[in-house]
Protein backbone atom coordinates (compact mmCIF):
# COMPACT_ATOMS: atom_id res chain seq x y z
CA UNK A 1 0.00 0.00 0.00
CA UNK A 2 2.79 2.42 0.88
CA UNK A 3 4.50 1.80 -2.46
CA UNK A 4 1.35 2.91 -4.24
CA UNK A 5 1.10 6.09 -2.18
CA UNK A 6 4.77 6.93 -2.72
CA UNK A 7 4.39 6.37 -6.43
CA UNK A 8 1.41 8.71 -6.51
CA UNK A 9 3.39 11.36 -4.65
CA UNK A 10 6.34 11.07 -7.06
CA UNK A 11 4.03 11.24 -10.07
CA UNK A 12 2.41 14.40 -8.75
CA UNK A 13 5.77 16.03 -8.06
CA UNK A 14 7.16 15.11 -11.49
CA UNK A 15 4.36 16.66 -13.49
CA UNK A 16 3.15 19.55 -11.36
CA UNK A 17 5.06 22.21 -13.31
CA UNK A 18 3.79 21.33 -16.80
CA UNK A 19 0.32 20.30 -15.77
CA UNK A 20 -1.71 22.08 -13.13
CA UNK A 21 -4.67 19.91 -14.07
CA UNK A 22 -2.78 16.75 -13.15
CA UNK A 23 -1.66 18.34 -9.88
CA UNK A 24 -5.27 19.11 -9.03
CA UNK A 25 -6.24 15.54 -9.84
CA UNK A 26 -3.49 14.21 -7.58
CA UNK A 27 -4.71 16.40 -4.74
CA UNK A 28 -8.30 15.28 -5.28
CA UNK A 29 -7.23 11.63 -5.18
CA UNK A 30 -5.91 12.05 -1.66
CA UNK A 31 -2.21 12.45 -2.49
CA UNK A 32 -1.99 15.23 0.09
CA UNK A 33 -2.49 12.58 2.76
CA UNK A 34 0.16 10.24 1.34
CA UNK A 35 2.77 10.94 4.04
CA UNK A 36 2.12 8.62 7.00
CA UNK A 37 0.20 10.62 9.59
CA UNK A 38 -1.46 10.07 12.97
CA UNK A 39 -4.42 12.08 14.23
CA UNK A 40 -5.00 12.49 17.97
CA UNK A 41 -8.09 13.97 19.57
CA UNK A 42 -7.51 15.98 22.73
CA UNK A 43 -10.47 17.07 24.80
CA UNK A 44 -8.82 20.40 25.65
CA UNK A 45 -6.75 21.40 22.62
CA UNK A 46 -8.32 20.19 19.39
CA UNK A 47 -6.80 17.61 17.06
CA UNK A 48 -3.06 16.91 17.04
CA UNK A 49 -1.40 15.92 13.76
CA UNK A 50 1.70 13.72 14.13
CA UNK A 51 4.24 13.38 11.33
CA UNK A 52 5.12 9.70 11.47
CA UNK A 53 8.30 10.07 9.44
CA UNK A 54 9.99 12.05 12.23
CA UNK A 55 7.60 11.19 15.09
CA UNK A 56 6.77 14.76 16.01
CA UNK A 57 3.68 16.90 16.49
CA UNK A 58 3.57 18.88 13.26
CA UNK A 59 0.46 20.95 14.01
CA UNK A 60 -2.66 21.19 16.13
CA UNK A 61 -6.05 21.99 14.67
CA UNK A 62 -7.86 24.33 17.02
CA UNK A 63 -11.52 23.34 17.08
CA UNK A 64 -12.61 25.74 19.81
CA UNK A 65 -14.73 24.30 22.59
CA UNK A 66 -15.87 21.25 20.65
CA UNK A 67 -14.31 18.74 23.05
CA UNK A 68 -13.30 16.14 20.42
CA UNK A 69 -13.18 12.48 21.45
CA UNK A 70 -13.94 9.64 19.02
CA UNK A 71 -12.44 9.84 15.54
CA UNK A 72 -12.30 7.86 12.31
CA UNK A 73 -10.98 8.47 8.79
CA UNK A 74 -12.53 7.87 5.40
CA UNK A 75 -10.83 5.36 3.11
CA UNK A 76 -8.54 7.79 1.27
CA UNK A 77 -7.64 9.83 4.35
CA UNK A 78 -9.04 13.09 3.00
CA UNK A 79 -11.70 13.44 5.69
CA UNK A 80 -11.49 12.96 9.45
CA UNK A 81 -14.77 12.48 11.32
CA UNK A 82 -14.74 13.60 14.96
CA UNK A 83 -17.35 13.24 17.72
CA UNK A 84 -17.55 16.44 19.77
CA UNK A 85 -18.78 16.37 23.36
CA UNK A 86 -19.05 20.14 23.74
CA UNK A 87 -21.15 20.73 20.63
CA UNK A 88 -22.99 17.36 20.57
CA UNK A 89 -22.21 16.84 16.92
CA UNK A 90 -20.02 15.07 14.37
CA UNK A 91 -17.63 17.26 12.40
CA UNK A 92 -16.10 16.42 9.04
CA UNK A 93 -12.57 17.83 8.84
CA UNK A 94 -10.68 18.30 5.58
CA UNK A 95 -7.27 16.78 6.38
CA UNK A 96 -5.52 19.02 3.84
CA UNK A 97 -6.58 22.18 5.68
CA UNK A 98 -7.63 21.11 9.18
CA UNK A 99 -10.92 22.94 8.74
CA UNK A 100 -14.36 21.55 9.57
CA UNK A 101 -16.30 21.62 6.30
CA UNK A 102 -19.57 20.07 7.48
CA UNK A 103 -21.30 19.17 10.73
CA UNK A 104 -24.29 17.12 11.75
CA UNK A 105 -26.07 17.17 15.10
CA UNK A 106 -25.88 13.83 16.89
CA UNK A 107 -27.12 14.19 20.48
CA UNK A 108 -25.78 14.46 23.99
CA UNK A 109 -22.32 13.01 24.70
CA UNK A 110 -21.26 11.63 21.31
CA UNK A 111 -18.23 9.47 21.94
CA UNK A 112 -17.11 6.63 19.67
CA UNK A 113 -16.94 6.90 15.86
CA UNK A 114 -16.33 4.20 13.26
CA UNK A 115 -16.45 4.82 9.53
CA UNK A 116 -17.53 1.68 7.71
CA UNK A 117 -18.31 1.78 4.01
CA UNK A 118 -20.21 4.96 3.19
CA UNK A 119 -21.48 5.53 6.72
CA UNK A 120 -20.21 6.72 10.09
CA UNK A 121 -21.54 5.00 13.20
CA UNK A 122 -21.54 7.32 16.20
CA UNK A 123 -22.41 6.34 19.77
CA UNK A 124 -23.98 8.90 22.09
CA UNK A 125 -25.51 8.88 25.55
CA UNK A 126 -28.60 11.05 26.04
CA UNK A 127 -28.95 9.93 29.66
CA UNK A 128 -25.31 10.08 30.73
CA UNK A 129 -24.56 12.62 33.45
CA UNK A 130 -21.15 11.67 34.80
CA UNK A 131 -18.24 9.27 34.64
CA UNK A 132 -18.38 5.53 35.28
CA UNK A 133 -18.57 4.23 38.84
CA UNK A 134 -15.42 3.23 40.63
CA UNK A 135 -14.55 -0.47 40.84
CA UNK A 136 -16.78 -2.21 43.34
CA UNK A 137 -19.50 0.43 43.17
CA UNK A 138 -22.90 -0.34 41.60
CA UNK A 139 -23.47 0.94 38.09
CA UNK A 140 -25.70 3.93 37.51
CA UNK A 141 -28.11 1.85 35.51
CA UNK A 142 -28.31 -1.28 37.63
CA UNK A 143 -32.04 -0.84 37.99
CA UNK A 144 -32.33 -0.88 34.22
CA UNK A 145 -34.47 2.25 34.08
CA UNK A 146 -32.67 5.11 35.84
CA UNK A 147 -31.69 6.83 32.60
CA UNK A 148 -32.38 6.57 28.86
CA UNK A 149 -30.29 4.02 26.95
CA UNK A 150 -27.46 5.04 24.71
CA UNK A 151 -28.05 5.34 20.98
CA UNK A 152 -26.10 4.91 17.76
CA UNK A 153 -26.47 7.45 15.00
CA UNK A 154 -25.91 6.15 11.47
CA UNK A 155 -24.63 9.00 9.30
CA UNK A 156 -24.60 8.93 5.48
CA UNK A 157 -21.20 10.37 4.54
CA UNK A 158 -22.42 11.60 1.16
CA UNK A 159 -25.04 13.90 2.65
CA UNK A 160 -23.71 14.01 6.24
CA UNK A 161 -27.21 13.41 7.52
CA UNK A 162 -28.38 10.95 10.15
CA UNK A 163 -30.36 8.24 8.35
CA UNK A 164 -31.14 6.04 11.36
CA UNK A 165 -30.80 6.09 15.12
CA UNK A 166 -30.59 2.83 17.00
CA UNK A 167 -31.32 2.34 20.69
CA UNK A 168 -28.59 0.36 22.38
CA UNK A 169 -27.76 -0.59 25.96
CA UNK A 170 -26.62 1.89 28.58
CA UNK A 171 -23.35 3.77 28.04
CA UNK A 172 -22.43 2.31 24.68
CA UNK A 173 -18.67 2.24 24.06
CA UNK A 174 -16.72 0.20 21.52
CA UNK A 175 -17.88 -0.59 17.98
CA UNK A 176 -16.73 -3.49 15.81
CA UNK A 177 -17.92 -5.14 12.59
CA UNK A 178 -18.14 -8.80 11.58
CA UNK A 179 -15.66 -10.01 8.94
CA UNK A 180 -18.43 -10.35 6.34
CA UNK A 181 -19.51 -6.74 6.96
CA UNK A 182 -23.08 -7.69 7.79
CA UNK A 183 -23.14 -7.19 11.56
CA UNK A 184 -22.17 -4.41 13.95
CA UNK A 185 -21.30 -5.26 17.56
CA UNK A 186 -21.22 -2.65 20.32
CA UNK A 187 -20.28 -2.87 23.98
CA UNK A 188 -22.56 -1.38 26.64
CA UNK A 189 -20.79 -0.47 29.87
CA UNK A 190 -23.87 0.45 31.87
CA UNK A 191 -25.75 -2.83 31.55
CA UNK A 192 -22.88 -5.26 30.86
CA UNK A 193 -23.95 -6.38 27.41
CA UNK A 194 -22.83 -6.62 23.80
CA UNK A 195 -25.52 -5.63 21.30
CA UNK A 196 -25.57 -6.94 17.74
CA UNK A 197 -27.21 -5.11 14.81
CA UNK A 198 -27.54 -5.37 11.05
CA UNK A 199 -25.12 -3.02 9.32
CA UNK A 200 -26.88 -0.23 7.43
CA UNK A 201 -30.38 -0.66 8.86
CA UNK A 202 -29.40 -0.95 12.52
CA UNK A 203 -31.97 -3.73 12.99
CA UNK A 204 -31.33 -5.52 16.33
CA UNK A 205 -30.14 -9.10 16.00
CA UNK A 206 -29.36 -10.17 19.56
CA UNK A 207 -27.96 -9.10 22.93
CA UNK A 208 -25.17 -10.94 24.74
CA UNK A 209 -25.10 -10.68 28.53
CA UNK A 210 -21.76 -10.55 30.31
CA UNK A 211 -20.87 -10.62 34.02
CA UNK A 212 -22.82 -8.15 36.14
CA UNK A 213 -20.79 -5.05 36.98
CA UNK A 214 -17.99 -5.95 34.57
CA UNK A 215 -18.43 -2.88 32.29
CA UNK A 216 -17.42 -4.08 28.79
CA UNK A 217 -15.60 -1.39 26.83
CA UNK A 218 -13.22 -2.38 24.03
CA UNK A 219 -14.06 -4.93 21.35
CA UNK A 220 -11.99 -6.36 18.50
CA UNK A 221 -12.49 -9.18 16.02
CA UNK A 222 -9.65 -11.68 15.67
CA UNK A 223 -7.65 -11.69 12.41
CA UNK A 224 -9.20 -15.00 11.35
CA UNK A 225 -12.69 -13.67 12.10
CA UNK A 226 -13.54 -16.59 14.36
CA UNK A 227 -13.57 -14.74 17.68
CA UNK A 228 -14.20 -11.39 19.35
CA UNK A 229 -12.22 -10.07 22.30
CA UNK A 230 -14.06 -7.81 24.77
CA UNK A 231 -12.32 -5.97 27.61
CA UNK A 232 -14.13 -5.77 30.95
CA UNK A 233 -12.98 -2.60 32.69
CA UNK A 234 -14.26 -3.23 36.21
CA UNK A 235 -13.70 -7.00 36.22
CA UNK A 236 -10.05 -6.63 35.17
CA UNK A 237 -10.43 -9.29 32.52
CA UNK A 238 -11.14 -9.80 28.86
CA UNK A 239 -13.47 -12.40 27.43
CA UNK A 240 -13.12 -14.24 24.14
CA UNK A 241 -16.44 -14.78 22.36
CA UNK A 242 -17.04 -17.38 19.65
CA UNK A 243 -17.55 -15.53 16.37
CA UNK A 244 -20.68 -17.48 15.51
CA UNK A 245 -22.51 -18.27 18.73
CA UNK A 246 -21.05 -15.33 20.70
CA UNK A 247 -20.69 -17.64 23.68
CA UNK A 248 -17.76 -17.04 26.00
CA UNK A 249 -14.98 -19.50 25.19
CA UNK A 250 -12.29 -18.03 27.42
CA UNK A 251 -11.83 -15.48 30.20
CA UNK A 252 -8.39 -13.98 30.84
CA UNK A 253 -7.19 -11.88 33.78
CA UNK A 254 -5.64 -8.47 33.13
CA UNK A 255 -4.23 -5.59 35.11
CA UNK A 256 -6.72 -2.98 36.34
CA UNK A 257 -8.97 -1.02 34.01
CA UNK A 258 -8.58 -2.73 30.62
CA UNK A 259 -10.05 -0.71 27.77
CA UNK A 260 -8.36 -0.42 24.34
CA UNK A 261 -7.69 -3.74 22.63
CA UNK A 262 -6.20 -4.77 19.30
CA UNK A 263 -4.24 -7.50 17.60
CA UNK A 264 -0.89 -6.46 16.17
CA UNK A 265 -0.49 -6.28 12.36
CA UNK A 266 0.74 -9.88 12.19
CA UNK A 267 -2.15 -11.17 14.31
CA UNK A 268 0.33 -13.03 16.50
CA UNK A 269 -0.12 -10.81 19.55
CA UNK A 270 -3.05 -9.23 21.34
CA UNK A 271 -2.51 -5.92 23.09
CA UNK A 272 -4.64 -4.57 25.94
CA UNK A 273 -4.35 -1.12 27.49
CA UNK A 274 -4.84 -1.57 31.25
CA UNK A 275 -5.36 2.13 31.78
CA UNK A 276 -5.75 2.26 35.57
CA UNK A 277 -2.56 0.26 36.01
CA UNK A 278 -0.61 2.43 33.53
CA UNK A 279 0.33 -0.75 31.68
CA UNK A 280 0.17 -2.09 28.14
CA UNK A 281 -0.25 -5.86 28.29
CA UNK A 282 0.82 -8.27 25.57
CA UNK A 283 -0.84 -11.67 25.06
CA UNK A 284 -0.40 -14.47 22.56
CA UNK A 285 -2.83 -13.79 19.69
CA UNK A 286 -3.90 -17.44 19.41
CA UNK A 287 -3.78 -18.88 22.95
CA UNK A 288 -4.23 -15.58 24.86
CA UNK A 289 -1.45 -16.55 27.22
CA UNK A 290 0.13 -13.56 28.95
CA UNK A 291 3.51 -12.61 27.48
CA UNK A 292 4.64 -9.18 28.65
CA UNK A 293 3.76 -6.04 30.61
CA UNK A 294 4.95 -2.63 29.46
CA UNK A 295 4.81 0.46 31.70
CA UNK A 296 3.18 3.45 29.97
CA UNK A 297 1.52 6.74 30.93
CA UNK A 298 -1.70 7.65 32.70
CA UNK A 299 -5.13 6.95 31.21
CA UNK A 300 -3.88 5.33 28.00
CA UNK A 301 -7.21 4.31 26.53
CA UNK A 302 -6.50 3.99 22.81
CA UNK A 303 -3.53 3.06 20.65
CA UNK A 304 -2.51 2.40 17.08
CA UNK A 305 0.40 0.89 15.22
CA UNK A 306 2.08 2.98 12.55
CA UNK A 307 1.14 1.95 8.99
CA UNK A 308 4.38 -0.02 8.57
CA UNK A 309 3.92 -1.71 11.97
CA UNK A 310 7.31 -0.59 13.25
CA UNK A 311 5.98 1.66 16.04
CA UNK A 312 3.10 1.66 18.49
CA UNK A 313 1.44 4.92 19.53
CA UNK A 314 -0.60 5.24 22.75
CA UNK A 315 -2.80 8.23 23.53
CA UNK A 316 -2.32 8.79 27.27
CA UNK A 317 -4.84 11.37 28.43
CA UNK A 318 -3.63 12.13 31.93
CA UNK A 319 -0.03 12.23 30.76
CA UNK A 320 -1.02 14.75 28.05
CA UNK A 321 1.12 12.83 25.57
CA UNK A 322 1.40 10.09 23.00
CA UNK A 323 3.82 7.36 24.04
CA UNK A 324 5.82 5.89 21.16
CA UNK A 325 6.97 2.28 21.57
CA UNK A 326 8.93 -0.05 19.35
CA UNK A 327 6.43 -2.23 17.51
CA UNK A 328 8.28 -5.48 18.17
CA UNK A 329 9.77 -5.34 21.68
CA UNK A 330 7.57 -2.46 22.99
CA UNK A 331 10.48 -0.50 24.44
CA UNK A 332 9.73 3.19 24.80
CA UNK A 333 11.24 5.33 22.05
CA UNK A 334 9.91 8.77 23.00
CA UNK A 335 6.94 10.77 24.19
CA UNK A 336 5.16 13.35 22.06
CA UNK A 337 3.80 16.03 24.38
CA UNK A 338 1.52 19.08 24.15
CA UNK A 339 -1.55 16.84 23.76
CA UNK A 340 -3.68 17.65 26.83
CA UNK A 341 -6.26 14.98 27.65
CA UNK A 342 -5.43 12.93 24.57
CA UNK A 343 -8.42 10.66 23.90
CA UNK A 344 -7.99 8.60 20.75
CA UNK A 345 -5.60 8.01 17.85
CA UNK A 346 -5.85 6.73 14.27
CA UNK A 347 -3.42 6.74 11.35
CA UNK A 348 -3.34 7.18 7.61
CA UNK A 349 -2.69 4.86 5.86
CA UNK A 350 -4.89 2.70 8.07
CA UNK A 351 -3.17 0.47 10.62
CA UNK A 352 -4.08 -1.96 13.37
CA UNK A 353 -5.34 -0.27 16.50
CA UNK A 354 -7.97 -0.08 19.22
CA UNK A 355 -10.28 2.25 17.25
CA UNK A 356 -9.77 1.44 13.60
CA UNK A 357 -9.17 -2.04 12.25
CA UNK A 358 -7.18 -3.56 9.44
């Protein structure tokens, strides 16, 4: 994939002088996003843009008081879609300028965004009024009726209009898709479930109940498509669900507060961000046996590999930084600061990570 992008960049550079028309076509095709780039949402300072060739913060897009959190890119990297807590909407940002070109109202507390096909799936929580309970405390929605359930807005990216809204469980978090692209699975912290829907229509298919008080957050399909891994933040575990029956086939202990989860680009390792323990944990991608613990920063919820897989980037909110680790032995390389309350991170070209998938 990188060879193709580099070739496109060289072609544009070679002919830009004699042909402005070709230069414009190259720009329209997404060549401006060819250089490997990471985008980081920060709840206090907009969107950070990281140049992955020199591992530095190249710029920050000031988005005012939007309070950006969830983020996802379109296929060619020309548009970044960001869920904004402060303005209760989804903004479409032109990655060549850093400017929001369109917005659509979502609802209170929009949080997680996944672009899939020609749609963006955005979770929001109309009844949410505060943070999650501490470990050992009862959930806010244990009575099942104390607040409205979370919802998922399905946004047509051509028109940037909400075509459907789907009622989910309470405090909907992670979003994942089945390998055949027909099903969407979401985790619901508040009522300890995983909800399954038809992609496109949002028609409910089934609900999977997990351990009471466990607060499922991250979810990721295995590279072979036969299993799903779900992190349980308050239980300090992750569960492995059968890809067909969605029955639990394995439960694995973790450090405290597991959230972000992803397989590495090879599929041989599973990584879990145990955010409350300030640890990145490494497990065997087939057996789920524990392999390694890596100390990282505070509140590292989400992470992504670089497109070539050589580095791992963790957005660590309470450390106000992105931690950069070697992608094979996970030794710390550097920290990229000036990213207050970093929330999530994705890259272009797309790479394996806790938000996007590959």
